[in-house]
Protein backbone atom coordinates (compact mmCIF):
# COMPACT_ATOMS: atom_id res chain seq x y z
CA UNK A 1 0.00 0.00 0.00
CA UNK A 2 1.14 3.49 -0.80
CA UNK A 3 1.25 6.27 1.72
CA UNK A 4 -0.06 9.73 0.95
CA UNK A 5 1.51 12.86 2.40
CA UNK A 6 3.52 10.87 4.93
CA UNK A 7 0.52 9.04 6.40
CA UNK A 8 0.52 5.24 6.26
CA UNK A 9 -1.94 3.69 3.85
CA UNK A 10 -5.03 2.16 5.37
CA UNK A 11 -5.82 -1.54 5.09
CA UNK A 12 -9.55 -1.81 4.20
CA UNK A 13 -10.12 -4.62 6.72
CA UNK A 14 -8.41 -2.67 9.50
CA UNK A 15 -10.35 0.46 8.54
CA UNK A 16 -13.64 -1.48 8.80
CA UNK A 17 -12.65 -2.99 12.16
CA UNK A 18 -11.66 0.45 13.46
CA UNK A 19 -14.92 2.01 12.30
CA UNK A 20 -16.91 -0.78 14.00
CA UNK A 21 -14.90 -0.31 17.19
CA UNK A 22 -15.56 3.42 17.22
CA UNK A 23 -19.28 2.91 16.51
CA UNK A 24 -19.68 0.36 19.31
CA UNK A 25 -17.57 2.39 21.75
CA UNK A 26 -19.78 5.41 21.11
CA UNK A 27 -23.01 3.41 21.32
CA UNK A 28 -21.88 1.92 24.63
CA UNK A 29 -21.07 5.39 25.98
CA UNK A 30 -17.38 4.68 26.53
CA UNK A 31 -14.88 7.47 26.14
CA UNK A 32 -11.79 7.00 24.03
CA UNK A 33 -9.46 7.60 26.98
CA UNK A 34 -11.44 5.20 29.18
CA UNK A 35 -11.42 2.36 26.66
CA UNK A 36 -7.76 2.91 25.76
CA UNK A 37 -6.79 2.61 29.43
CA UNK A 38 -8.88 -0.56 29.82
CA UNK A 39 -7.11 -2.05 26.79
CA UNK A 40 -3.64 -1.08 28.02
CA UNK A 41 -2.91 1.36 25.23
CA UNK A 42 -2.65 5.10 24.84
CA UNK A 43 -5.55 7.19 23.52
CA UNK A 44 -3.36 8.02 20.49
CA UNK A 45 -2.96 4.32 19.70
CA UNK A 46 -6.71 3.76 19.95
CA UNK A 47 -7.35 6.78 17.70
CA UNK A 48 -5.05 5.26 15.06
CA UNK A 49 -6.87 1.92 15.33
CA UNK A 50 -10.28 3.58 14.99
CA UNK A 51 -9.00 5.48 11.96
CA UNK A 52 -7.79 2.25 10.36
CA UNK A 53 -4.16 3.38 10.55
CA UNK A 54 -2.99 0.77 13.06
CA UNK A 55 -3.67 -2.92 13.52
CA UNK A 56 -5.25 -4.59 16.54
CA UNK A 57 -3.87 -7.90 17.71
CA UNK A 58 -6.29 -10.76 18.25
CA UNK A 59 -5.77 -10.29 22.00
CA UNK A 60 -6.74 -6.61 21.70
CA UNK A 61 -9.86 -7.47 19.67
CA UNK A 62 -10.84 -10.01 22.32
CA UNK A 63 -10.23 -7.51 25.14
CA UNK A 64 -12.22 -4.80 23.33
CA UNK A 65 -15.21 -7.08 22.84
CA UNK A 66 -15.10 -8.07 26.54
CA UNK A 67 -14.88 -4.41 27.61
CA UNK A 68 -17.78 -3.41 25.36
CA UNK A 69 -19.89 -6.49 26.13
CA UNK A 70 -19.93 -7.66 22.52
CA UNK A 71 -19.58 -10.96 20.72
CA UNK A 72 -16.34 -11.20 18.72
CA UNK A 73 -18.17 -10.99 15.37
CA UNK A 74 -19.35 -7.46 16.23
CA UNK A 75 -15.87 -6.10 15.47
CA UNK A 76 -14.86 -8.52 12.74
CA UNK A 77 -17.99 -8.61 10.57
CA UNK A 78 -21.01 -6.51 9.65
CA UNK A 79 -23.27 -9.56 9.90
CA UNK A 80 -24.07 -11.67 12.93
CA UNK A 81 -22.62 -15.15 13.19
CA UNK A 82 -25.15 -17.96 13.12
C-alpha atoms as a PDB file:
ATOM      1  CA  UNK A   1       0.000   0.000   0.000  1.00  0.00           C
ATOM      2  CA  UNK A   2       1.137   3.488  -0.801  1.00  0.00           C
ATOM      3  CA  UNK A   3       1.248   6.275   1.723  1.00  0.00           C
ATOM      4  CA  UNK A   4      -0.063   9.728   0.949  1.00  0.00           C
ATOM      5  CA  UNK A   5       1.511  12.865   2.404  1.00  0.00           C
ATOM      6  CA  UNK A   6       3.525  10.867   4.925  1.00  0.00           C
ATOM      7  CA  UNK A   7       0.523   9.037   6.401  1.00  0.00           C
ATOM      8  CA  UNK A   8       0.524   5.243   6.258  1.00  0.00           C
ATOM      9  CA  UNK A   9      -1.939   3.691   3.850  1.00  0.00           C
ATOM     10  CA  UNK A  10      -5.032   2.161   5.369  1.00  0.00           C
ATOM     11  CA  UNK A  11      -5.820  -1.545   5.093  1.00  0.00           C
ATOM     12  CA  UNK A  12      -9.546  -1.815   4.198  1.00  0.00           C
ATOM     13  CA  UNK A  13     -10.122  -4.617   6.720  1.00  0.00           C
ATOM     14  CA  UNK A  14      -8.411  -2.671   9.495  1.00  0.00           C
ATOM     15  CA  UNK A  15     -10.352   0.463   8.542  1.00  0.00           C
ATOM     16  CA  UNK A  16     -13.636  -1.479   8.798  1.00  0.00           C
ATOM     17  CA  UNK A  17     -12.654  -2.989  12.156  1.00  0.00           C
ATOM     18  CA  UNK A  18     -11.656   0.452  13.455  1.00  0.00           C
ATOM     19  CA  UNK A  19     -14.924   2.007  12.303  1.00  0.00           C
ATOM     20  CA  UNK A  20     -16.911  -0.778  14.004  1.00  0.00           C
ATOM     21  CA  UNK A  21     -14.902  -0.314  17.195  1.00  0.00           C
ATOM     22  CA  UNK A  22     -15.560   3.423  17.223  1.00  0.00           C
ATOM     23  CA  UNK A  23     -19.275   2.914  16.508  1.00  0.00           C
ATOM     24  CA  UNK A  24     -19.685   0.359  19.307  1.00  0.00           C
ATOM     25  CA  UNK A  25     -17.568   2.388  21.748  1.00  0.00           C
ATOM     26  CA  UNK A  26     -19.777   5.412  21.113  1.00  0.00           C
ATOM     27  CA  UNK A  27     -23.013   3.405  21.319  1.00  0.00           C
ATOM     28  CA  UNK A  28     -21.882   1.918  24.629  1.00  0.00           C
ATOM     29  CA  UNK A  29     -21.072   5.395  25.979  1.00  0.00           C
ATOM     30  CA  UNK A  30     -17.379   4.679  26.530  1.00  0.00           C
ATOM     31  CA  UNK A  31     -14.879   7.474  26.144  1.00  0.00           C
ATOM     32  CA  UNK A  32     -11.788   7.001  24.026  1.00  0.00           C
ATOM     33  CA  UNK A  33      -9.459   7.605  26.984  1.00  0.00           C
ATOM     34  CA  UNK A  34     -11.437   5.196  29.180  1.00  0.00           C
ATOM     35  CA  UNK A  35     -11.417   2.356  26.660  1.00  0.00           C
ATOM     36  CA  UNK A  36      -7.764   2.913  25.764  1.00  0.00           C
ATOM     37  CA  UNK A  37      -6.790   2.605  29.426  1.00  0.00           C
ATOM     38  CA  UNK A  38      -8.879  -0.560  29.824  1.00  0.00           C
ATOM     39  CA  UNK A  39      -7.112  -2.053  26.792  1.00  0.00           C
ATOM     40  CA  UNK A  40      -3.639  -1.085  28.022  1.00  0.00           C
ATOM     41  CA  UNK A  41      -2.911   1.356  25.228  1.00  0.00           C
ATOM     42  CA  UNK A  42      -2.650   5.100  24.837  1.00  0.00           C
ATOM     43  CA  UNK A  43      -5.546   7.186  23.515  1.00  0.00           C
ATOM     44  CA  UNK A  44      -3.356   8.023  20.493  1.00  0.00           C
ATOM     45  CA  UNK A  45      -2.957   4.315  19.704  1.00  0.00           C
ATOM     46  CA  UNK A  46      -6.712   3.759  19.950  1.00  0.00           C
ATOM     47  CA  UNK A  47      -7.353   6.784  17.696  1.00  0.00           C
ATOM     48  CA  UNK A  48      -5.055   5.262  15.057  1.00  0.00           C
ATOM     49  CA  UNK A  49      -6.866   1.920  15.327  1.00  0.00           C
ATOM     50  CA  UNK A  50     -10.280   3.581  14.994  1.00  0.00           C
ATOM     51  CA  UNK A  51      -9.004   5.478  11.959  1.00  0.00           C
ATOM     52  CA  UNK A  52      -7.787   2.252  10.360  1.00  0.00           C
ATOM     53  CA  UNK A  53      -4.163   3.379  10.546  1.00  0.00           C
ATOM     54  CA  UNK A  54      -2.990   0.768  13.058  1.00  0.00           C
ATOM     55  CA  UNK A  55      -3.667  -2.922  13.521  1.00  0.00           C
ATOM     56  CA  UNK A  56      -5.254  -4.594  16.537  1.00  0.00           C
ATOM     57  CA  UNK A  57      -3.871  -7.904  17.706  1.00  0.00           C
ATOM     58  CA  UNK A  58      -6.294 -10.760  18.255  1.00  0.00           C
ATOM     59  CA  UNK A  59      -5.774 -10.293  21.999  1.00  0.00           C
ATOM     60  CA  UNK A  60      -6.744  -6.607  21.696  1.00  0.00           C
ATOM     61  CA  UNK A  61      -9.855  -7.467  19.673  1.00  0.00           C
ATOM     62  CA  UNK A  62     -10.836 -10.011  22.322  1.00  0.00           C
ATOM     63  CA  UNK A  63     -10.226  -7.509  25.139  1.00  0.00           C
ATOM     64  CA  UNK A  64     -12.217  -4.798  23.333  1.00  0.00           C
ATOM     65  CA  UNK A  65     -15.206  -7.083  22.841  1.00  0.00           C
ATOM     66  CA  UNK A  66     -15.100  -8.068  26.536  1.00  0.00           C
ATOM     67  CA  UNK A  67     -14.876  -4.413  27.613  1.00  0.00           C
ATOM     68  CA  UNK A  68     -17.779  -3.414  25.363  1.00  0.00           C
ATOM     69  CA  UNK A  69     -19.892  -6.489  26.129  1.00  0.00           C
ATOM     70  CA  UNK A  70     -19.928  -7.657  22.525  1.00  0.00           C
ATOM     71  CA  UNK A  71     -19.576 -10.959  20.717  1.00  0.00           C
ATOM     72  CA  UNK A  72     -16.340 -11.199  18.724  1.00  0.00           C
ATOM     73  CA  UNK A  73     -18.170 -10.986  15.372  1.00  0.00           C
ATOM     74  CA  UNK A  74     -19.347  -7.459  16.228  1.00  0.00           C
ATOM     75  CA  UNK A  75     -15.865  -6.105  15.471  1.00  0.00           C
ATOM     76  CA  UNK A  76     -14.859  -8.523  12.739  1.00  0.00           C
ATOM     77  CA  UNK A  77     -17.993  -8.608  10.572  1.00  0.00           C
ATOM     78  CA  UNK A  78     -21.007  -6.513   9.654  1.00  0.00           C
ATOM     79  CA  UNK A  79     -23.270  -9.559   9.898  1.00  0.00           C
ATOM     80  CA  UNK A  80     -24.067 -11.674  12.934  1.00  0.00           C
ATOM     81  CA  UNK A  81     -22.616 -15.150  13.191  1.00  0.00           C
ATOM     82  CA  UNK A  82     -25.147 -17.957  13.116  1.00  0.00           C
END
